[in-house]
Amino acid sequence: MSSEQTWKLKMADGSTEEFVDIRRKVGNRIIRAYLLDNVLQSDRVRRIRASLRGPKDEFQDFDKFLVVEGKQDGNPFRILAESGVYQNLRIVGTDSERIRTMEPTDIIA
């Protein structure tokens, strides 16, 4: 990971995963709840045990966050999203260097 601010996800097994903070890049963009309906109904969401620290090393309630996995052009990526923002999800971080360097409109598309 780079020297940028990161979200640190500490897994139940003690390992730590980092997501680069991209809130300033994407602004207050959200993933609309209706886009998640099919995902939630298809059992493609799995719950993980973890704790989360924000970019300023502040504790965050991980129950309010989701790690969304996907592929773009065959390349896997993960997005850290905060739930409960206007009944939707807000993108806050990514583990993908490629996504981190994309234009904001391309990240949301």
N, C-alpha and C. Protein backbone atom coordinates (compact mmCIF):
# COMPACT_ATOMS: atom_id res chain seq x y z
N MET A 1 0.83 -1.19 0.00
CA MET A 1 0.00 0.00 0.00
C MET A 1 0.87 1.25 0.00
N SER A 2 0.33 2.32 -0.44
CA SER A 2 1.06 3.58 -0.51
C SER A 2 1.02 4.30 0.84
N SER A 3 1.59 5.49 0.89
CA SER A 3 1.62 6.26 2.13
C SER A 3 0.33 7.04 2.35
N GLU A 4 -0.68 6.82 1.53
CA GLU A 4 -1.95 7.51 1.68
C GLU A 4 -2.69 7.00 2.92
N GLN A 5 -3.71 7.75 3.33
CA GLN A 5 -4.51 7.33 4.47
C GLN A 5 -5.24 6.04 4.13
N THR A 6 -5.32 5.16 5.12
CA THR A 6 -5.95 3.86 4.88
C THR A 6 -6.95 3.53 5.98
N TRP A 7 -7.88 2.68 5.61
CA TRP A 7 -8.79 2.03 6.55
C TRP A 7 -8.15 0.69 6.86
N LYS A 8 -8.06 0.32 8.13
CA LYS A 8 -7.43 -0.94 8.52
C LYS A 8 -8.49 -1.89 9.07
N LEU A 9 -8.64 -3.01 8.38
CA LEU A 9 -9.62 -4.01 8.76
C LEU A 9 -8.89 -5.16 9.43
N LYS A 10 -9.10 -5.34 10.74
CA LYS A 10 -8.43 -6.42 11.47
C LYS A 10 -9.38 -7.61 11.53
N MET A 11 -8.95 -8.69 10.90
CA MET A 11 -9.78 -9.88 10.80
C MET A 11 -9.74 -10.68 12.10
N ALA A 12 -10.68 -11.59 12.27
CA ALA A 12 -10.76 -12.41 13.48
C ALA A 12 -9.51 -13.25 13.67
N ASP A 13 -8.83 -13.63 12.58
CA ASP A 13 -7.62 -14.45 12.69
C ASP A 13 -6.38 -13.62 13.02
N GLY A 14 -6.54 -12.30 13.21
CA GLY A 14 -5.43 -11.43 13.57
C GLY A 14 -4.77 -10.74 12.39
N SER A 15 -5.07 -11.17 11.17
CA SER A 15 -4.48 -10.52 10.00
C SER A 15 -5.14 -9.15 9.78
N THR A 16 -4.43 -8.27 9.09
CA THR A 16 -4.94 -6.93 8.82
C THR A 16 -4.98 -6.69 7.32
N GLU A 17 -6.08 -6.15 6.84
CA GLU A 17 -6.22 -5.78 5.44
C GLU A 17 -6.39 -4.27 5.38
N GLU A 18 -5.80 -3.64 4.36
CA GLU A 18 -5.88 -2.19 4.24
C GLU A 18 -6.61 -1.78 2.97
N PHE A 19 -7.37 -0.69 3.09
CA PHE A 19 -8.09 -0.10 1.98
C PHE A 19 -7.69 1.37 1.92
N VAL A 20 -7.24 1.83 0.76
CA VAL A 20 -6.88 3.24 0.58
C VAL A 20 -8.15 4.08 0.68
N ASP A 21 -8.08 5.15 1.45
CA ASP A 21 -9.22 6.05 1.64
C ASP A 21 -9.44 6.85 0.35
N ILE A 22 -10.60 6.65 -0.29
CA ILE A 22 -10.90 7.38 -1.53
C ILE A 22 -12.13 8.26 -1.38
N ARG A 23 -12.50 8.60 -0.14
CA ARG A 23 -13.69 9.44 0.06
C ARG A 23 -13.56 10.78 -0.63
N ARG A 24 -12.40 11.41 -0.56
CA ARG A 24 -12.24 12.72 -1.21
C ARG A 24 -12.29 12.60 -2.73
N LYS A 25 -11.86 11.46 -3.25
CA LYS A 25 -11.86 11.26 -4.70
C LYS A 25 -13.27 11.08 -5.24
N VAL A 26 -14.07 10.27 -4.55
CA VAL A 26 -15.41 9.99 -5.06
C VAL A 26 -16.47 10.91 -4.45
N GLY A 27 -16.07 11.76 -3.50
CA GLY A 27 -17.03 12.66 -2.87
C GLY A 27 -18.01 11.88 -2.03
N ASN A 28 -19.19 12.37 -1.92
CA ASN A 28 -20.21 11.69 -1.12
C ASN A 28 -21.08 10.81 -2.01
N ARG A 29 -20.45 10.14 -2.96
CA ARG A 29 -21.18 9.27 -3.88
C ARG A 29 -21.63 8.03 -3.12
N ILE A 30 -22.79 7.56 -3.47
CA ILE A 30 -23.33 6.40 -2.79
C ILE A 30 -23.78 5.34 -3.79
N ILE A 31 -23.85 4.11 -3.32
CA ILE A 31 -24.39 3.01 -4.12
C ILE A 31 -25.85 2.89 -3.70
N ARG A 32 -26.75 3.13 -4.59
CA ARG A 32 -28.17 3.15 -4.25
C ARG A 32 -28.63 1.79 -3.75
N ALA A 33 -29.48 1.82 -2.75
CA ALA A 33 -29.95 0.60 -2.11
C ALA A 33 -30.63 -0.34 -3.11
N TYR A 34 -31.39 0.20 -4.07
CA TYR A 34 -32.10 -0.68 -5.00
C TYR A 34 -31.14 -1.50 -5.86
N LEU A 35 -29.90 -1.04 -6.03
CA LEU A 35 -28.92 -1.82 -6.79
C LEU A 35 -28.43 -3.02 -6.00
N LEU A 36 -28.62 -3.01 -4.69
CA LEU A 36 -28.15 -4.10 -3.84
C LEU A 36 -29.21 -5.17 -3.61
N ASP A 37 -30.45 -4.91 -3.99
CA ASP A 37 -31.53 -5.85 -3.70
C ASP A 37 -31.22 -7.26 -4.19
N ASN A 38 -30.79 -7.41 -5.43
CA ASN A 38 -30.50 -8.75 -5.97
C ASN A 38 -29.35 -9.42 -5.23
N VAL A 39 -28.34 -8.65 -4.84
CA VAL A 39 -27.20 -9.21 -4.11
C VAL A 39 -27.67 -9.73 -2.75
N LEU A 40 -28.45 -8.95 -2.05
CA LEU A 40 -28.90 -9.35 -0.72
C LEU A 40 -29.84 -10.56 -0.78
N GLN A 41 -30.65 -10.65 -1.81
CA GLN A 41 -31.60 -11.75 -1.93
C GLN A 41 -30.95 -13.04 -2.42
N SER A 42 -29.76 -12.98 -2.98
CA SER A 42 -29.14 -14.16 -3.58
C SER A 42 -28.12 -14.85 -2.67
N ASP A 43 -28.03 -14.44 -1.42
CA ASP A 43 -27.06 -15.01 -0.47
C ASP A 43 -25.62 -14.85 -0.94
N ARG A 44 -25.33 -13.80 -1.71
CA ARG A 44 -23.96 -13.54 -2.13
C ARG A 44 -23.23 -12.66 -1.13
N VAL A 45 -23.90 -12.32 -0.04
CA VAL A 45 -23.28 -11.52 1.01
C VAL A 45 -22.93 -12.46 2.15
N ARG A 46 -21.70 -12.37 2.64
CA ARG A 46 -21.31 -13.18 3.79
C ARG A 46 -20.80 -12.26 4.88
N ARG A 47 -21.10 -12.61 6.10
CA ARG A 47 -20.70 -11.80 7.25
C ARG A 47 -19.33 -12.26 7.71
N ILE A 48 -18.44 -11.30 8.00
CA ILE A 48 -17.12 -11.63 8.53
C ILE A 48 -16.96 -10.94 9.88
N ARG A 49 -16.14 -11.55 10.73
CA ARG A 49 -15.84 -10.95 12.03
C ARG A 49 -14.57 -10.12 11.86
N ALA A 50 -14.67 -8.86 12.20
CA ALA A 50 -13.52 -7.97 12.05
C ALA A 50 -13.75 -6.70 12.86
N SER A 51 -12.67 -5.97 13.08
CA SER A 51 -12.78 -4.62 13.65
C SER A 51 -12.16 -3.66 12.65
N LEU A 52 -12.51 -2.39 12.74
CA LEU A 52 -12.11 -1.44 11.72
C LEU A 52 -11.62 -0.15 12.35
N ARG A 53 -10.50 0.35 11.82
CA ARG A 53 -9.97 1.65 12.23
C ARG A 53 -9.94 2.54 11.00
N GLY A 54 -10.41 3.78 11.17
CA GLY A 54 -10.45 4.73 10.07
C GLY A 54 -9.10 5.36 9.80
N PRO A 55 -9.03 6.24 8.81
CA PRO A 55 -7.77 6.87 8.40
C PRO A 55 -7.08 7.66 9.51
N LYS A 56 -7.83 8.13 10.50
CA LYS A 56 -7.22 8.85 11.62
C LYS A 56 -7.04 7.93 12.82
N ASP A 57 -7.02 6.62 12.57
CA ASP A 57 -6.86 5.57 13.57
C ASP A 57 -8.01 5.54 14.58
N GLU A 58 -9.16 6.07 14.17
CA GLU A 58 -10.32 6.05 15.05
C GLU A 58 -11.10 4.76 14.86
N PHE A 59 -11.64 4.21 15.95
CA PHE A 59 -12.41 2.98 15.89
C PHE A 59 -13.72 3.24 15.15
N GLN A 60 -14.09 2.32 14.26
CA GLN A 60 -15.35 2.39 13.53
C GLN A 60 -16.15 1.12 13.83
N ASP A 61 -17.44 1.23 13.89
CA ASP A 61 -18.31 0.08 14.10
C ASP A 61 -18.39 -0.70 12.79
N PHE A 62 -17.69 -1.83 12.70
CA PHE A 62 -17.61 -2.57 11.44
C PHE A 62 -18.98 -3.08 10.98
N ASP A 63 -19.93 -3.21 11.91
CA ASP A 63 -21.27 -3.65 11.50
C ASP A 63 -21.93 -2.67 10.54
N LYS A 64 -21.41 -1.46 10.45
CA LYS A 64 -21.97 -0.46 9.54
C LYS A 64 -21.26 -0.44 8.19
N PHE A 65 -20.33 -1.38 7.97
CA PHE A 65 -19.54 -1.38 6.74
C PHE A 65 -19.68 -2.72 6.01
N LEU A 66 -19.47 -2.68 4.70
CA LEU A 66 -19.43 -3.88 3.87
C LEU A 66 -18.16 -3.86 3.04
N VAL A 67 -17.62 -5.04 2.77
CA VAL A 67 -16.55 -5.18 1.80
C VAL A 67 -17.20 -5.78 0.56
N VAL A 68 -17.21 -5.01 -0.51
CA VAL A 68 -17.85 -5.43 -1.76
C VAL A 68 -16.76 -5.89 -2.72
N GLU A 69 -16.84 -7.16 -3.15
CA GLU A 69 -15.85 -7.71 -4.07
C GLU A 69 -16.42 -7.74 -5.48
N GLY A 70 -15.56 -7.54 -6.45
CA GLY A 70 -15.99 -7.59 -7.84
C GLY A 70 -14.82 -7.77 -8.78
N LYS A 71 -15.12 -7.77 -10.08
CA LYS A 71 -14.09 -7.86 -11.12
C LYS A 71 -14.39 -6.81 -12.17
N GLN A 72 -13.33 -6.22 -12.69
CA GLN A 72 -13.45 -5.27 -13.79
C GLN A 72 -12.39 -5.63 -14.81
N ASP A 73 -12.81 -5.96 -16.01
CA ASP A 73 -11.89 -6.42 -17.05
C ASP A 73 -11.05 -7.60 -16.56
N GLY A 74 -11.67 -8.49 -15.78
CA GLY A 74 -10.98 -9.67 -15.28
C GLY A 74 -10.09 -9.43 -14.07
N ASN A 75 -9.96 -8.19 -13.63
CA ASN A 75 -9.13 -7.86 -12.47
C ASN A 75 -9.98 -7.76 -11.22
N PRO A 76 -9.67 -8.57 -10.18
CA PRO A 76 -10.45 -8.50 -8.95
C PRO A 76 -10.17 -7.20 -8.20
N PHE A 77 -11.19 -6.72 -7.49
CA PHE A 77 -11.03 -5.54 -6.64
C PHE A 77 -12.00 -5.64 -5.48
N ARG A 78 -11.75 -4.85 -4.45
CA ARG A 78 -12.66 -4.76 -3.32
C ARG A 78 -12.87 -3.29 -2.97
N ILE A 79 -14.08 -2.98 -2.58
CA ILE A 79 -14.46 -1.64 -2.16
C ILE A 79 -14.97 -1.73 -0.72
N LEU A 80 -14.51 -0.83 0.13
CA LEU A 80 -15.05 -0.72 1.48
C LEU A 80 -16.16 0.31 1.43
N ALA A 81 -17.36 -0.08 1.85
CA ALA A 81 -18.52 0.81 1.76
C ALA A 81 -19.18 0.95 3.12
N GLU A 82 -19.58 2.16 3.43
CA GLU A 82 -20.27 2.46 4.69
C GLU A 82 -21.77 2.38 4.45
N SER A 83 -22.48 1.63 5.29
CA SER A 83 -23.92 1.51 5.12
C SER A 83 -24.65 2.53 5.99
N GLY A 84 -25.93 2.65 5.78
CA GLY A 84 -26.73 3.56 6.59
C GLY A 84 -26.58 5.02 6.22
N VAL A 85 -25.97 5.32 5.07
CA VAL A 85 -25.85 6.70 4.61
C VAL A 85 -27.04 6.96 3.70
N TYR A 86 -28.03 7.65 4.22
CA TYR A 86 -29.26 7.92 3.48
C TYR A 86 -29.88 6.61 2.96
N GLN A 87 -29.82 5.57 3.76
CA GLN A 87 -30.36 4.25 3.42
C GLN A 87 -29.64 3.61 2.24
N ASN A 88 -28.43 4.00 1.98
CA ASN A 88 -27.64 3.48 0.87
C ASN A 88 -26.24 3.14 1.38
N LEU A 89 -25.31 2.89 0.47
CA LEU A 89 -23.91 2.64 0.82
C LEU A 89 -23.05 3.76 0.28
N ARG A 90 -22.06 4.19 1.07
CA ARG A 90 -21.12 5.22 0.62
C ARG A 90 -19.75 4.58 0.45
N ILE A 91 -19.13 4.76 -0.69
CA ILE A 91 -17.80 4.22 -0.96
C ILE A 91 -16.79 5.00 -0.13
N VAL A 92 -15.95 4.27 0.64
CA VAL A 92 -14.94 4.95 1.45
C VAL A 92 -13.52 4.51 1.14
N GLY A 93 -13.32 3.30 0.58
CA GLY A 93 -11.96 2.84 0.32
C GLY A 93 -11.91 1.71 -0.68
N THR A 94 -10.69 1.40 -1.15
CA THR A 94 -10.47 0.30 -2.08
C THR A 94 -9.11 -0.33 -1.82
N ASP A 95 -8.97 -1.61 -2.15
CA ASP A 95 -7.67 -2.28 -2.06
C ASP A 95 -6.99 -2.34 -3.43
N SER A 96 -7.63 -1.76 -4.44
CA SER A 96 -7.13 -1.84 -5.81
C SER A 96 -6.38 -0.56 -6.20
N GLU A 97 -5.12 -0.71 -6.55
CA GLU A 97 -4.33 0.42 -7.03
C GLU A 97 -4.95 0.99 -8.30
N ARG A 98 -5.47 0.11 -9.14
CA ARG A 98 -6.08 0.53 -10.40
C ARG A 98 -7.29 1.42 -10.16
N ILE A 99 -8.16 1.00 -9.25
CA ILE A 99 -9.34 1.80 -8.95
C ILE A 99 -8.95 3.11 -8.28
N ARG A 100 -7.95 3.08 -7.42
CA ARG A 100 -7.49 4.28 -6.73
C ARG A 100 -7.07 5.36 -7.70
N THR A 101 -6.51 4.97 -8.85
CA THR A 101 -6.00 5.95 -9.81
C THR A 101 -7.02 6.32 -10.89
N MET A 102 -8.19 5.70 -10.87
CA MET A 102 -9.22 6.00 -11.88
C MET A 102 -9.85 7.37 -11.62
N GLU A 103 -10.48 7.90 -12.65
CA GLU A 103 -11.25 9.14 -12.52
C GLU A 103 -12.48 8.86 -11.66
N PRO A 104 -12.91 9.82 -10.85
CA PRO A 104 -14.08 9.61 -9.99
C PRO A 104 -15.32 9.12 -10.73
N THR A 105 -15.60 9.67 -11.90
CA THR A 105 -16.80 9.25 -12.65
C THR A 105 -16.69 7.81 -13.12
N ASP A 106 -15.47 7.32 -13.38
CA ASP A 106 -15.27 5.93 -13.79
C ASP A 106 -15.44 4.98 -12.62
N ILE A 107 -15.08 5.40 -11.42
CA ILE A 107 -15.24 4.56 -10.23
C ILE A 107 -16.72 4.32 -9.97
N ILE A 108 -17.51 5.33 -10.12
CA ILE A 108 -18.94 5.25 -9.82
C ILE A 108 -19.71 4.52 -10.91
N ALA A 109 -19.23 4.57 -12.15
CA ALA A 109 -19.97 4.01 -13.29
C ALA A 109 -20.24 2.53 -13.17
